[in-house]
PDB file of all heavy atoms in Angstrom:
ATOM      1  N   MET A   1       1.084   9.274  -3.019  1.00  0.00           N
ATOM      2  CA  MET A   1       1.235   8.246  -1.977  1.00  0.00           C
ATOM      3  C   MET A   1       0.445   8.607  -0.773  1.00  0.00           C
ATOM      4  O   MET A   1       0.132   9.800  -0.489  1.00  0.00           O
ATOM      5  CB  MET A   1       2.746   8.080  -1.597  1.00  0.00           C
ATOM      6  CG  MET A   1       3.318   9.184  -0.753  1.00  0.00           C
ATOM      7  SD  MET A   1       4.970   8.774  -0.171  1.00  0.00           S
ATOM      8  CE  MET A   1       5.346  10.253   0.800  1.00  0.00           C
ATOM      9  N   TRP A   2      -0.017   7.561  -0.065  1.00  0.00           N
ATOM     10  CA  TRP A   2      -0.708   7.704   1.211  1.00  0.00           C
ATOM     11  C   TRP A   2       0.138   7.059   2.318  1.00  0.00           C
ATOM     12  O   TRP A   2       0.625   5.929   2.174  1.00  0.00           O
ATOM     13  CB  TRP A   2      -2.069   6.999   1.156  1.00  0.00           C
ATOM     14  CG  TRP A   2      -3.087   7.601   0.258  1.00  0.00           C
ATOM     15  CD1 TRP A   2      -4.160   8.369   0.670  1.00  0.00           C
ATOM     16  CD2 TRP A   2      -3.246   7.380  -1.161  1.00  0.00           C
ATOM     17  NE1 TRP A   2      -4.928   8.691  -0.432  1.00  0.00           N
ATOM     18  CE2 TRP A   2      -4.398   8.112  -1.562  1.00  0.00           C
ATOM     19  CE3 TRP A   2      -2.528   6.693  -2.122  1.00  0.00           C
ATOM     20  CZ2 TRP A   2      -4.828   8.159  -2.884  1.00  0.00           C
ATOM     21  CZ3 TRP A   2      -2.926   6.766  -3.439  1.00  0.00           C
ATOM     22  CH2 TRP A   2      -4.060   7.471  -3.803  1.00  0.00           C
ATOM     23  N   LEU A   3       0.241   7.727   3.438  1.00  0.00           N
ATOM     24  CA  LEU A   3       0.860   7.218   4.607  1.00  0.00           C
ATOM     25  C   LEU A   3      -0.244   7.089   5.684  1.00  0.00           C
ATOM     26  O   LEU A   3      -0.832   8.107   6.099  1.00  0.00           O
ATOM     27  CB  LEU A   3       1.957   8.144   5.147  1.00  0.00           C
ATOM     28  CG  LEU A   3       3.118   8.350   4.160  1.00  0.00           C
ATOM     29  CD1 LEU A   3       4.091   9.446   4.691  1.00  0.00           C
ATOM     30  CD2 LEU A   3       3.865   7.053   3.865  1.00  0.00           C
ATOM     31  N   PHE A   4      -0.559   5.869   6.080  1.00  0.00           N
ATOM     32  CA  PHE A   4      -1.742   5.639   6.901  1.00  0.00           C
ATOM     33  C   PHE A   4      -1.526   4.445   7.818  1.00  0.00           C
ATOM     34  O   PHE A   4      -0.517   3.732   7.687  1.00  0.00           O
ATOM     35  CB  PHE A   4      -3.021   5.492   6.097  1.00  0.00           C
ATOM     36  CG  PHE A   4      -3.013   4.328   5.166  1.00  0.00           C
ATOM     37  CD1 PHE A   4      -3.706   3.180   5.423  1.00  0.00           C
ATOM     38  CD2 PHE A   4      -2.282   4.383   3.938  1.00  0.00           C
ATOM     39  CE1 PHE A   4      -3.698   2.110   4.560  1.00  0.00           C
ATOM     40  CE2 PHE A   4      -2.271   3.288   3.077  1.00  0.00           C
ATOM     41  CZ  PHE A   4      -2.991   2.153   3.403  1.00  0.00           C
ATOM     42  N   HIS A   5      -2.446   4.188   8.734  1.00  0.00           N
ATOM     43  CA  HIS A   5      -2.401   3.032   9.593  1.00  0.00           C
ATOM     44  C   HIS A   5      -3.604   2.167   9.456  1.00  0.00           C
ATOM     45  O   HIS A   5      -4.721   2.678   9.217  1.00  0.00           O
ATOM     46  CB  HIS A   5      -2.269   3.493  11.088  1.00  0.00           C
ATOM     47  CG  HIS A   5      -0.976   4.098  11.403  1.00  0.00           C
ATOM     48  ND1 HIS A   5      -0.661   5.439  11.098  1.00  0.00           N
ATOM     49  CD2 HIS A   5       0.136   3.595  12.028  1.00  0.00           C
ATOM     50  CE1 HIS A   5       0.571   5.721  11.491  1.00  0.00           C
ATOM     51  NE2 HIS A   5       1.063   4.623  12.067  1.00  0.00           N
ATOM     52  N   ARG A   6      -3.440   0.844   9.625  1.00  0.00           N
ATOM     53  CA  ARG A   6      -4.532  -0.092   9.731  1.00  0.00           C
ATOM     54  C   ARG A   6      -4.183  -1.035  10.870  1.00  0.00           C
ATOM     55  O   ARG A   6      -3.135  -1.680  10.881  1.00  0.00           O
ATOM     56  CB  ARG A   6      -4.690  -0.952   8.433  1.00  0.00           C
ATOM     57  CG  ARG A   6      -5.358  -0.214   7.271  1.00  0.00           C
ATOM     58  CD  ARG A   6      -6.833   0.065   7.568  1.00  0.00           C
ATOM     59  NE  ARG A   6      -7.531   0.645   6.437  1.00  0.00           N
ATOM     60  CZ  ARG A   6      -7.608   1.917   6.203  1.00  0.00           C
ATOM     61  NH1 ARG A   6      -6.981   2.783   7.018  1.00  0.00           N
ATOM     62  NH2 ARG A   6      -8.225   2.395   5.159  1.00  0.00           N
ATOM     63  N   ASP A   7      -5.145  -1.102  11.843  1.00  0.00           N
ATOM     64  CA  ASP A   7      -4.904  -1.917  13.045  1.00  0.00           C
ATOM     65  C   ASP A   7      -3.581  -1.537  13.681  1.00  0.00           C
ATOM     66  O   ASP A   7      -2.810  -2.392  14.102  1.00  0.00           O
ATOM     67  CB  ASP A   7      -4.926  -3.413  12.715  1.00  0.00           C
ATOM     68  CG  ASP A   7      -6.258  -3.855  12.120  1.00  0.00           C
ATOM     69  OD1 ASP A   7      -7.283  -3.315  12.534  1.00  0.00           O
ATOM     70  OD2 ASP A   7      -6.245  -4.783  11.245  1.00  0.00           O
ATOM     71  N   GLU A   8      -3.312  -0.233  13.749  1.00  0.00           N
ATOM     72  CA  GLU A   8      -2.136   0.343  14.372  1.00  0.00           C
ATOM     73  C   GLU A   8      -0.816   0.023  13.644  1.00  0.00           C
ATOM     74  O   GLU A   8       0.256   0.312  14.114  1.00  0.00           O
ATOM     75  CB  GLU A   8      -2.012  -0.067  15.830  1.00  0.00           C
ATOM     76  CG  GLU A   8      -3.191   0.367  16.677  1.00  0.00           C
ATOM     77  CD  GLU A   8      -3.036   0.047  18.140  1.00  0.00           C
ATOM     78  OE1 GLU A   8      -2.011  -0.586  18.500  1.00  0.00           O
ATOM     79  OE2 GLU A   8      -3.917   0.429  18.927  1.00  0.00           O
ATOM     80  N   GLU A   9      -0.945  -0.653  12.476  1.00  0.00           N
ATOM     81  CA  GLU A   9       0.243  -0.946  11.691  1.00  0.00           C
ATOM     82  C   GLU A   9       0.424   0.149  10.575  1.00  0.00           C
ATOM     83  O   GLU A   9      -0.521   0.508   9.897  1.00  0.00           O
ATOM     84  CB  GLU A   9       0.102  -2.287  10.977  1.00  0.00           C
ATOM     85  CG  GLU A   9       0.136  -3.516  11.903  1.00  0.00           C
ATOM     86  CD  GLU A   9       1.542  -3.743  12.428  1.00  0.00           C
ATOM     87  OE1 GLU A   9       2.504  -3.200  11.843  1.00  0.00           O
ATOM     88  OE2 GLU A   9       1.662  -4.508  13.412  1.00  0.00           O
ATOM     89  N   PRO A  10       1.655   0.707  10.492  1.00  0.00           N
ATOM     90  CA  PRO A  10       1.895   1.721   9.478  1.00  0.00           C
ATOM     91  C   PRO A  10       1.899   1.093   8.080  1.00  0.00           C
ATOM     92  O   PRO A  10       2.526   0.055   7.882  1.00  0.00           O
ATOM     93  CB  PRO A  10       3.245   2.305   9.827  1.00  0.00           C
ATOM     94  CG  PRO A  10       3.932   1.196  10.569  1.00  0.00           C
ATOM     95  CD  PRO A  10       2.844   0.441  11.306  1.00  0.00           C
ATOM     96  N   LEU A  11       1.258   1.723   7.117  1.00  0.00           N
ATOM     97  CA  LEU A  11       1.267   1.243   5.764  1.00  0.00           C
ATOM     98  C   LEU A  11       1.541   2.436   4.815  1.00  0.00           C
ATOM     99  O   LEU A  11       1.246   3.596   5.119  1.00  0.00           O
ATOM    100  CB  LEU A  11      -0.109   0.615   5.382  1.00  0.00           C
ATOM    101  CG  LEU A  11      -0.526  -0.599   6.156  1.00  0.00           C
ATOM    102  CD1 LEU A  11      -1.944  -1.018   5.723  1.00  0.00           C
ATOM    103  CD2 LEU A  11       0.401  -1.767   5.939  1.00  0.00           C
ATOM    104  N   LEU A  12       2.028   2.128   3.633  1.00  0.00           N
ATOM    105  CA  LEU A  12       2.277   3.109   2.598  1.00  0.00           C
ATOM    106  C   LEU A  12       1.694   2.604   1.304  1.00  0.00           C
ATOM    107  O   LEU A  12       1.961   1.433   0.917  1.00  0.00           O
ATOM    108  CB  LEU A  12       3.773   3.342   2.434  1.00  0.00           C
ATOM    109  CG  LEU A  12       4.246   4.373   1.363  1.00  0.00           C
ATOM    110  CD1 LEU A  12       5.608   4.889   1.687  1.00  0.00           C
ATOM    111  CD2 LEU A  12       4.314   3.738  -0.041  1.00  0.00           C
ATOM    112  N   LEU A  13       0.944   3.433   0.614  1.00  0.00           N
ATOM    113  CA  LEU A  13       0.442   3.084  -0.698  1.00  0.00           C
ATOM    114  C   LEU A  13       0.911   4.075  -1.731  1.00  0.00           C
ATOM    115  O   LEU A  13       0.793   5.288  -1.546  1.00  0.00           O
ATOM    116  CB  LEU A  13      -1.107   3.089  -0.678  1.00  0.00           C
ATOM    117  CG  LEU A  13      -1.781   2.696  -2.005  1.00  0.00           C
ATOM    118  CD1 LEU A  13      -1.574   1.219  -2.290  1.00  0.00           C
ATOM    119  CD2 LEU A  13      -3.250   3.009  -1.988  1.00  0.00           C
ATOM    120  N   LEU A  14       1.549   3.568  -2.792  1.00  0.00           N
ATOM    121  CA  LEU A  14       1.980   4.425  -3.874  1.00  0.00           C
ATOM    122  C   LEU A  14       1.169   4.114  -5.150  1.00  0.00           C
ATOM    123  O   LEU A  14       1.020   2.973  -5.515  1.00  0.00           O
ATOM    124  CB  LEU A  14       3.484   4.166  -4.168  1.00  0.00           C
ATOM    125  CG  LEU A  14       4.053   4.997  -5.347  1.00  0.00           C
ATOM    126  CD1 LEU A  14       4.254   6.443  -4.957  1.00  0.00           C
ATOM    127  CD2 LEU A  14       5.375   4.402  -5.790  1.00  0.00           C
ATOM    128  N   LEU A  15       0.626   5.172  -5.796  1.00  0.00           N
ATOM    129  CA  LEU A  15      -0.078   5.029  -7.029  1.00  0.00           C
ATOM    130  C   LEU A  15       0.671   5.775  -8.116  1.00  0.00           C
ATOM    131  O   LEU A  15       1.084   6.946  -7.924  1.00  0.00           O
ATOM    132  CB  LEU A  15      -1.501   5.615  -6.874  1.00  0.00           C
ATOM    133  CG  LEU A  15      -2.400   5.669  -8.129  1.00  0.00           C
ATOM    134  CD1 LEU A  15      -3.839   5.543  -7.759  1.00  0.00           C
ATOM    135  CD2 LEU A  15      -2.180   6.943  -8.941  1.00  0.00           C
ATOM    136  N   ALA A  16       0.858   5.093  -9.249  1.00  0.00           N
ATOM    137  CA  ALA A  16       1.540   5.690 -10.360  1.00  0.00           C
ATOM    138  C   ALA A  16       0.884   5.314 -11.659  1.00  0.00           C
ATOM    139  O   ALA A  16       0.867   4.161 -12.016  1.00  0.00           O
ATOM    140  CB  ALA A  16       3.003   5.308 -10.370  1.00  0.00           C
ATOM    141  N   ALA A  17       0.308   6.299 -12.388  1.00  0.00           N
ATOM    142  CA  ALA A  17      -0.289   6.058 -13.680  1.00  0.00           C
ATOM    143  C   ALA A  17       0.839   6.033 -14.720  1.00  0.00           C
ATOM    144  O   ALA A  17       1.674   6.897 -14.772  1.00  0.00           O
ATOM    145  CB  ALA A  17      -1.316   7.150 -14.038  1.00  0.00           C
ATOM    146  N   GLN A  18       0.848   4.975 -15.553  1.00  0.00           N
ATOM    147  CA  GLN A  18       1.892   4.800 -16.530  1.00  0.00           C
ATOM    148  C   GLN A  18       1.523   5.391 -17.892  1.00  0.00           C
ATOM    149  O   GLN A  18       0.357   5.660 -18.174  1.00  0.00           O
ATOM    150  CB  GLN A  18       2.194   3.290 -16.718  1.00  0.00           C
ATOM    151  CG  GLN A  18       2.428   2.547 -15.385  1.00  0.00           C
ATOM    152  CD  GLN A  18       3.632   3.073 -14.640  1.00  0.00           C
ATOM    153  OE1 GLN A  18       4.736   2.995 -15.146  1.00  0.00           O
ATOM    154  NE2 GLN A  18       3.418   3.612 -13.455  1.00  0.00           N
ATOM    155  N   ASP A  19       2.535   5.584 -18.749  1.00  0.00           N
ATOM    156  CA  ASP A  19       2.301   6.162 -20.059  1.00  0.00           C
ATOM    157  C   ASP A  19       1.407   5.292 -20.930  1.00  0.00           C
ATOM    158  O   ASP A  19       0.715   5.782 -21.823  1.00  0.00           O
ATOM    159  CB  ASP A  19       3.617   6.420 -20.766  1.00  0.00           C
ATOM    160  CG  ASP A  19       4.430   7.516 -20.122  1.00  0.00           C
ATOM    161  OD1 ASP A  19       3.807   8.333 -19.416  1.00  0.00           O
ATOM    162  OD2 ASP A  19       5.672   7.549 -20.304  1.00  0.00           O
ATOM    163  N   ASP A  20       1.399   3.963 -20.675  1.00  0.00           N
ATOM    164  CA  ASP A  20       0.574   3.036 -21.496  1.00  0.00           C
ATOM    165  C   ASP A  20      -0.841   2.966 -20.996  1.00  0.00           C
ATOM    166  O   ASP A  20      -1.624   2.178 -21.532  1.00  0.00           O
ATOM    167  CB  ASP A  20       1.219   1.670 -21.567  1.00  0.00           C
ATOM    168  CG  ASP A  20       1.262   0.998 -20.196  1.00  0.00           C
ATOM    169  OD1 ASP A  20       0.852   1.625 -19.211  1.00  0.00           O
ATOM    170  OD2 ASP A  20       1.735  -0.166 -20.108  1.00  0.00           O
ATOM    171  N   GLY A  21      -1.197   3.764 -19.970  1.00  0.00           N
ATOM    172  CA  GLY A  21      -2.576   3.803 -19.478  1.00  0.00           C
ATOM    173  C   GLY A  21      -2.795   2.930 -18.254  1.00  0.00           C
ATOM    174  O   GLY A  21      -3.823   3.085 -17.558  1.00  0.00           O
ATOM    175  N   THR A  22      -1.876   1.984 -17.990  1.00  0.00           N
ATOM    176  CA  THR A  22      -2.037   1.149 -16.804  1.00  0.00           C
ATOM    177  C   THR A  22      -1.751   1.927 -15.514  1.00  0.00           C
ATOM    178  O   THR A  22      -1.152   3.020 -15.550  1.00  0.00           O
ATOM    179  CB  THR A  22      -1.112  -0.093 -16.859  1.00  0.00           C
ATOM    180  OG1 THR A  22       0.268   0.381 -16.937  1.00  0.00           O
ATOM    181  CG2 THR A  22      -1.407  -0.919 -18.094  1.00  0.00           C
ATOM    182  N   VAL A  23      -2.131   1.390 -14.382  1.00  0.00           N
ATOM    183  CA  VAL A  23      -1.906   2.026 -13.096  1.00  0.00           C
ATOM    184  C   VAL A  23      -1.224   1.023 -12.183  1.00  0.00           C
ATOM    185  O   VAL A  23      -1.723  -0.096 -12.038  1.00  0.00           O
ATOM    186  CB  VAL A  23      -3.202   2.518 -12.428  1.00  0.00           C
ATOM    187  CG1 VAL A  23      -2.940   3.166 -11.103  1.00  0.00           C
ATOM    188  CG2 VAL A  23      -3.962   3.492 -13.373  1.00  0.00           C
ATOM    189  N   VAL A  24      -0.126   1.426 -11.586  1.00  0.00           N
ATOM    190  CA  VAL A  24       0.636   0.558 -10.665  1.00  0.00           C
ATOM    191  C   VAL A  24       0.337   0.992  -9.219  1.00  0.00           C
ATOM    192  O   VAL A  24       0.370   2.184  -8.914  1.00  0.00           O
ATOM    193  CB  VAL A  24       2.148   0.626 -10.941  1.00  0.00           C
ATOM    194  CG1 VAL A  24       2.917  -0.096  -9.858  1.00  0.00           C
ATOM    195  CG2 VAL A  24       2.475   0.077 -12.302  1.00  0.00           C
ATOM    196  N   LEU A  25      -0.017  -0.001  -8.393  1.00  0.00           N
ATOM    197  CA  LEU A  25      -0.146   0.230  -6.957  1.00  0.00           C
ATOM    198  C   LEU A  25       0.905  -0.578  -6.247  1.00  0.00           C
ATOM    199  O   LEU A  25       1.085  -1.764  -6.532  1.00  0.00           O
ATOM    200  CB  LEU A  25      -1.527  -0.190  -6.474  1.00  0.00           C
ATOM    201  CG  LEU A  25      -2.753   0.674  -6.719  1.00  0.00           C
ATOM    202  CD1 LEU A  25      -3.958   0.155  -5.906  1.00  0.00           C
ATOM    203  CD2 LEU A  25      -2.492   2.155  -6.350  1.00  0.00           C
ATOM    204  N   GLU A  26       1.586   0.036  -5.254  1.00  0.00           N
ATOM    205  CA  GLU A  26       2.519  -0.655  -4.408  1.00  0.00           C
ATOM    206  C   GLU A  26       2.124  -0.392  -2.938  1.00  0.00           C
ATOM    207  O   GLU A  26       2.036   0.793  -2.543  1.00  0.00           O
ATOM    208  CB  GLU A  26       3.945  -0.198  -4.693  1.00  0.00           C
ATOM    209  CG  GLU A  26       4.415  -0.641  -6.054  1.00  0.00           C
ATOM    210  CD  GLU A  26       5.812  -0.118  -6.341  1.00  0.00           C
ATOM    211  OE1 GLU A  26       5.963   1.116  -6.570  1.00  0.00           O
ATOM    212  OE2 GLU A  26       6.792  -0.946  -6.261  1.00  0.00           O
ATOM    213  N   LEU A  27       1.923  -1.425  -2.218  1.00  0.00           N
ATOM    214  CA  LEU A  27       1.532  -1.303  -0.802  1.00  0.00           C
ATOM    215  C   LEU A  27       2.682  -1.836   0.056  1.00  0.00           C
ATOM    216  O   LEU A  27       3.066  -2.997  -0.057  1.00  0.00           O
ATOM    217  CB  LEU A  27       0.270  -2.137  -0.526  1.00  0.00           C
ATOM    218  CG  LEU A  27      -0.313  -2.037   0.866  1.00  0.00           C
ATOM    219  CD1 LEU A  27      -0.731  -0.641   1.270  1.00  0.00           C
ATOM    220  CD2 LEU A  27      -1.513  -2.995   1.026  1.00  0.00           C
ATOM    221  N   ALA A  28       3.225  -0.967   0.894  1.00  0.00           N
ATOM    222  CA  ALA A  28       4.408  -1.326   1.680  1.00  0.00           C
ATOM    223  C   ALA A  28       4.036  -1.375   3.174  1.00  0.00           C
ATOM    224  O   ALA A  28       3.217  -0.603   3.654  1.00  0.00           O
ATOM    225  CB  ALA A  28       5.512  -0.277   1.520  1.00  0.00           C
ATOM    226  N   SER A  29       4.647  -2.340   3.873  1.00  0.00           N
ATOM    227  CA  SER A  29       4.449  -2.488   5.291  1.00  0.00           C
ATOM    228  C   SER A  29       5.731  -3.019   5.926  1.00  0.00           C
ATOM    229  O   SER A  29       6.665  -3.449   5.215  1.00  0.00           O
ATOM    230  CB  SER A  29       3.316  -3.496   5.591  1.00  0.00           C
ATOM    231  OG  SER A  29       3.672  -4.783   5.166  1.00  0.00           O
ATOM    232  N   LEU A  30       5.801  -2.958   7.251  1.00  0.00           N
ATOM    233  CA  LEU A  30       6.878  -3.639   7.951  1.00  0.00           C
ATOM    234  C   LEU A  30       6.636  -5.119   7.921  1.00  0.00           C
ATOM    235  O   LEU A  30       5.517  -5.548   7.709  1.00  0.00           O
ATOM    236  CB  LEU A  30       6.963  -3.124   9.375  1.00  0.00           C
ATOM    237  CG  LEU A  30       7.380  -1.638   9.573  1.00  0.00           C
ATOM    238  CD1 LEU A  30       7.196  -1.239  11.020  1.00  0.00           C
ATOM    239  CD2 LEU A  30       8.818  -1.415   9.085  1.00  0.00           C
ATOM    240  N   PRO A  31       7.652  -5.949   8.102  1.00  0.00           N
ATOM    241  CA  PRO A  31       7.456  -7.409   7.992  1.00  0.00           C
ATOM    242  C   PRO A  31       6.299  -7.887   8.865  1.00  0.00           C
ATOM    243  O   PRO A  31       5.593  -8.827   8.539  1.00  0.00           O
ATOM    244  CB  PRO A  31       8.788  -7.972   8.469  1.00  0.00           C
ATOM    245  CG  PRO A  31       9.783  -6.937   8.059  1.00  0.00           C
ATOM    246  CD  PRO A  31       9.083  -5.619   8.284  1.00  0.00           C
ATOM    247  N   GLY A  32       6.034  -7.257  10.004  1.00  0.00           N
ATOM    248  CA  GLY A  32       4.985  -7.720  10.905  1.00  0.00           C
ATOM    249  C   GLY A  32       3.628  -7.175  10.548  1.00  0.00           C
ATOM    250  O   GLY A  32       2.635  -7.547  11.146  1.00  0.00           O
ATOM    251  N   GLY A  33       3.550  -6.304   9.508  1.00  0.00           N
ATOM    252  CA  GLY A  33       2.269  -5.674   9.134  1.00  0.00           C
ATOM    253  C   GLY A  33       1.631  -6.239   7.878  1.00  0.00           C
ATOM    254  O   GLY A  33       0.692  -5.663   7.321  1.00  0.00           O
ATOM    255  N   GLN A  34       2.117  -7.373   7.399  1.00  0.00           N
ATOM    256  CA  GLN A  34       1.599  -7.911   6.135  1.00  0.00           C
ATOM    257  C   GLN A  34       0.158  -8.328   6.236  1.00  0.00           C
ATOM    258  O   GLN A  34      -0.613  -8.297   5.268  1.00  0.00           O
ATOM    259  CB  GLN A  34       2.449  -9.078   5.671  1.00  0.00           C
ATOM    260  CG  GLN A  34       3.899  -8.631   5.275  1.00  0.00           C
ATOM    261  CD  GLN A  34       4.737  -9.783   4.802  1.00  0.00           C
ATOM    262  OE1 GLN A  34       4.402 -10.439   3.790  1.00  0.00           O
ATOM    263  NE2 GLN A  34       5.819 -10.071   5.532  1.00  0.00           N
ATOM    264  N   SER A  35      -0.296  -8.772   7.418  1.00  0.00           N
ATOM    265  CA  SER A  35      -1.683  -9.192   7.564  1.00  0.00           C
ATOM    266  C   SER A  35      -2.595  -7.940   7.378  1.00  0.00           C
ATOM    267  O   SER A  35      -3.639  -8.042   6.730  1.00  0.00           O
ATOM    268  CB  SER A  35      -1.910  -9.767   8.977  1.00  0.00           C
ATOM    269  OG  SER A  35      -3.270 -10.051   9.187  1.00  0.00           O
ATOM    270  N   SER A  36      -2.235  -6.834   7.922  1.00  0.00           N
ATOM    271  CA  SER A  36      -2.993  -5.582   7.746  1.00  0.00           C
ATOM    272  C   SER A  36      -2.997  -5.156   6.299  1.00  0.00           C
ATOM    273  O   SER A  36      -3.990  -4.643   5.783  1.00  0.00           O
ATOM    274  CB  SER A  36      -2.385  -4.471   8.635  1.00  0.00           C
ATOM    275  OG  SER A  36      -2.531  -4.786  10.035  1.00  0.00           O
ATOM    276  N   ALA A  37      -1.878  -5.341   5.619  1.00  0.00           N
ATOM    277  CA  ALA A  37      -1.776  -4.990   4.184  1.00  0.00           C
ATOM    278  C   ALA A  37      -2.715  -5.852   3.368  1.00  0.00           C
ATOM    279  O   ALA A  37      -3.438  -5.370   2.496  1.00  0.00           O
ATOM    280  CB  ALA A  37      -0.330  -5.137   3.702  1.00  0.00           C
ATOM    281  N   ARG A  38      -2.759  -7.145   3.648  1.00  0.00           N
ATOM    282  CA  ARG A  38      -3.699  -8.017   2.905  1.00  0.00           C
ATOM    283  C   ARG A  38      -5.153  -7.682   3.171  1.00  0.00           C
ATOM    284  O   ARG A  38      -5.956  -7.747   2.237  1.00  0.00           O
ATOM    285  CB  ARG A  38      -3.414  -9.498   3.268  1.00  0.00           C
ATOM    286  CG  ARG A  38      -2.100 -10.026   2.651  1.00  0.00           C
ATOM    287  CD  ARG A  38      -1.998 -11.540   2.780  1.00  0.00           C
ATOM    288  NE  ARG A  38      -1.893 -11.941   4.210  1.00  0.00           N
ATOM    289  CZ  ARG A  38      -0.754 -12.123   4.828  1.00  0.00           C
ATOM    290  NH1 ARG A  38       0.407 -11.888   4.164  1.00  0.00           N
ATOM    291  NH2 ARG A  38      -0.699 -12.485   6.063  1.00  0.00           N
ATOM    292  N   GLU A  39      -5.470  -7.322   4.399  1.00  0.00           N
ATOM    293  CA  GLU A  39      -6.848  -6.943   4.683  1.00  0.00           C
ATOM    294  C   GLU A  39      -7.238  -5.651   3.957  1.00  0.00           C
ATOM    295  O   GLU A  39      -8.385  -5.487   3.477  1.00  0.00           O
ATOM    296  CB  GLU A  39      -7.008  -6.715   6.221  1.00  0.00           C
ATOM    297  CG  GLU A  39      -6.992  -8.037   6.984  1.00  0.00           C
ATOM    298  CD  GLU A  39      -7.144  -7.777   8.483  1.00  0.00           C
ATOM    299  OE1 GLU A  39      -7.446  -6.637   8.875  1.00  0.00           O
ATOM    300  OE2 GLU A  39      -6.961  -8.740   9.271  1.00  0.00           O
ATOM    301  N   PHE A  40      -6.290  -4.711   3.860  1.00  0.00           N
ATOM    302  CA  PHE A  40      -6.542  -3.481   3.105  1.00  0.00           C
ATOM    303  C   PHE A  40      -6.817  -3.810   1.656  1.00  0.00           C
ATOM    304  O   PHE A  40      -7.798  -3.288   1.063  1.00  0.00           O
ATOM    305  CB  PHE A  40      -5.343  -2.547   3.199  1.00  0.00           C
ATOM    306  CG  PHE A  40      -5.484  -1.346   2.291  1.00  0.00           C
ATOM    307  CD1 PHE A  40      -6.244  -0.239   2.672  1.00  0.00           C
ATOM    308  CD2 PHE A  40      -4.846  -1.310   1.089  1.00  0.00           C
ATOM    309  CE1 PHE A  40      -6.340   0.844   1.826  1.00  0.00           C
ATOM    310  CE2 PHE A  40      -4.946  -0.268   0.213  1.00  0.00           C
ATOM    311  CZ  PHE A  40      -5.724   0.841   0.620  1.00  0.00           C
ATOM    312  N   LEU A  41      -6.029  -4.672   1.023  1.00  0.00           N
ATOM    313  CA  LEU A  41      -6.241  -5.019  -0.354  1.00  0.00           C
ATOM    314  C   LEU A  41      -7.549  -5.777  -0.596  1.00  0.00           C
ATOM    315  O   LEU A  41      -8.198  -5.579  -1.632  1.00  0.00           O
ATOM    316  CB  LEU A  41      -5.061  -5.841  -0.866  1.00  0.00           C
ATOM    317  CG  LEU A  41      -3.752  -5.077  -1.075  1.00  0.00           C
ATOM    318  CD1 LEU A  41      -2.622  -6.038  -1.454  1.00  0.00           C
ATOM    319  CD2 LEU A  41      -3.890  -3.989  -2.071  1.00  0.00           C
TER     320      LEU A  41
END
């Protein structure tokens, strides 16, 4: 996981490789930081 900021908004990114070979990403933000999350993606 990464704990970082974008435009002063705190964000969290979790990466988990699955047994079937796929990779799951989850990007978490506070309700007011969704714009920063979308820009990151």
